């Protein structure tokens, strides 16, 4: 199915509203009391994050003992959520067994409604499918989060290029289908698929 601009932007707005509404309902109906013992609290907070992130799950990992009895254990989940202005962001949620009182949630990447529309048009997939497709790139971004690179970069994929800016935080700006590029640039992307490059 070919998405024109109006339909793609409408789908992007509806998607952001849907994620916000679903998370809101999940929060509203959560009345379970948090355990007081440290390991039980760790498991409780991890479960809560897993339920919240199921709506926009990308990936998660346990390090160490999943029961939380080992104080050095921790849990990391990468997922997307919506901000107050209904733009989508990719979050990194961290729970440490040593002090599981509250999870540390960090926004590592924001995605404007325009960029969501372009992602839907470029990859012709749902947003969850697109984010899974891009998850190797997102992991590179997360792992390089504290580096001092600033500028405009591109995630190269055989079907298209995802343009993002790297400043105080990362922001996906747009996506361009490979077939929409000039021959030279198209060949460059196809030959370098799977990498992140500076984009000028």
Foldseek 3Di string as FASTA:
>chain_A
DADDQVRLLVVLLVLLVVLAVVLVVLVVPDPDDQDDDLLSNLLVQVVSVCVSQVSFFQDKDWDPDNSLPPQAIKIWTWGWHADPVSWIFIWIWMATSVDRVDIDIDTAETEGSQASSQLCNQPVDHPSVSCNVCVVVVVVSVVCVPPQDFAWKWQFALQWIFIWTDHPHIYTDHIDGLVVDPPVVSVVSNVPHPDMGGDD
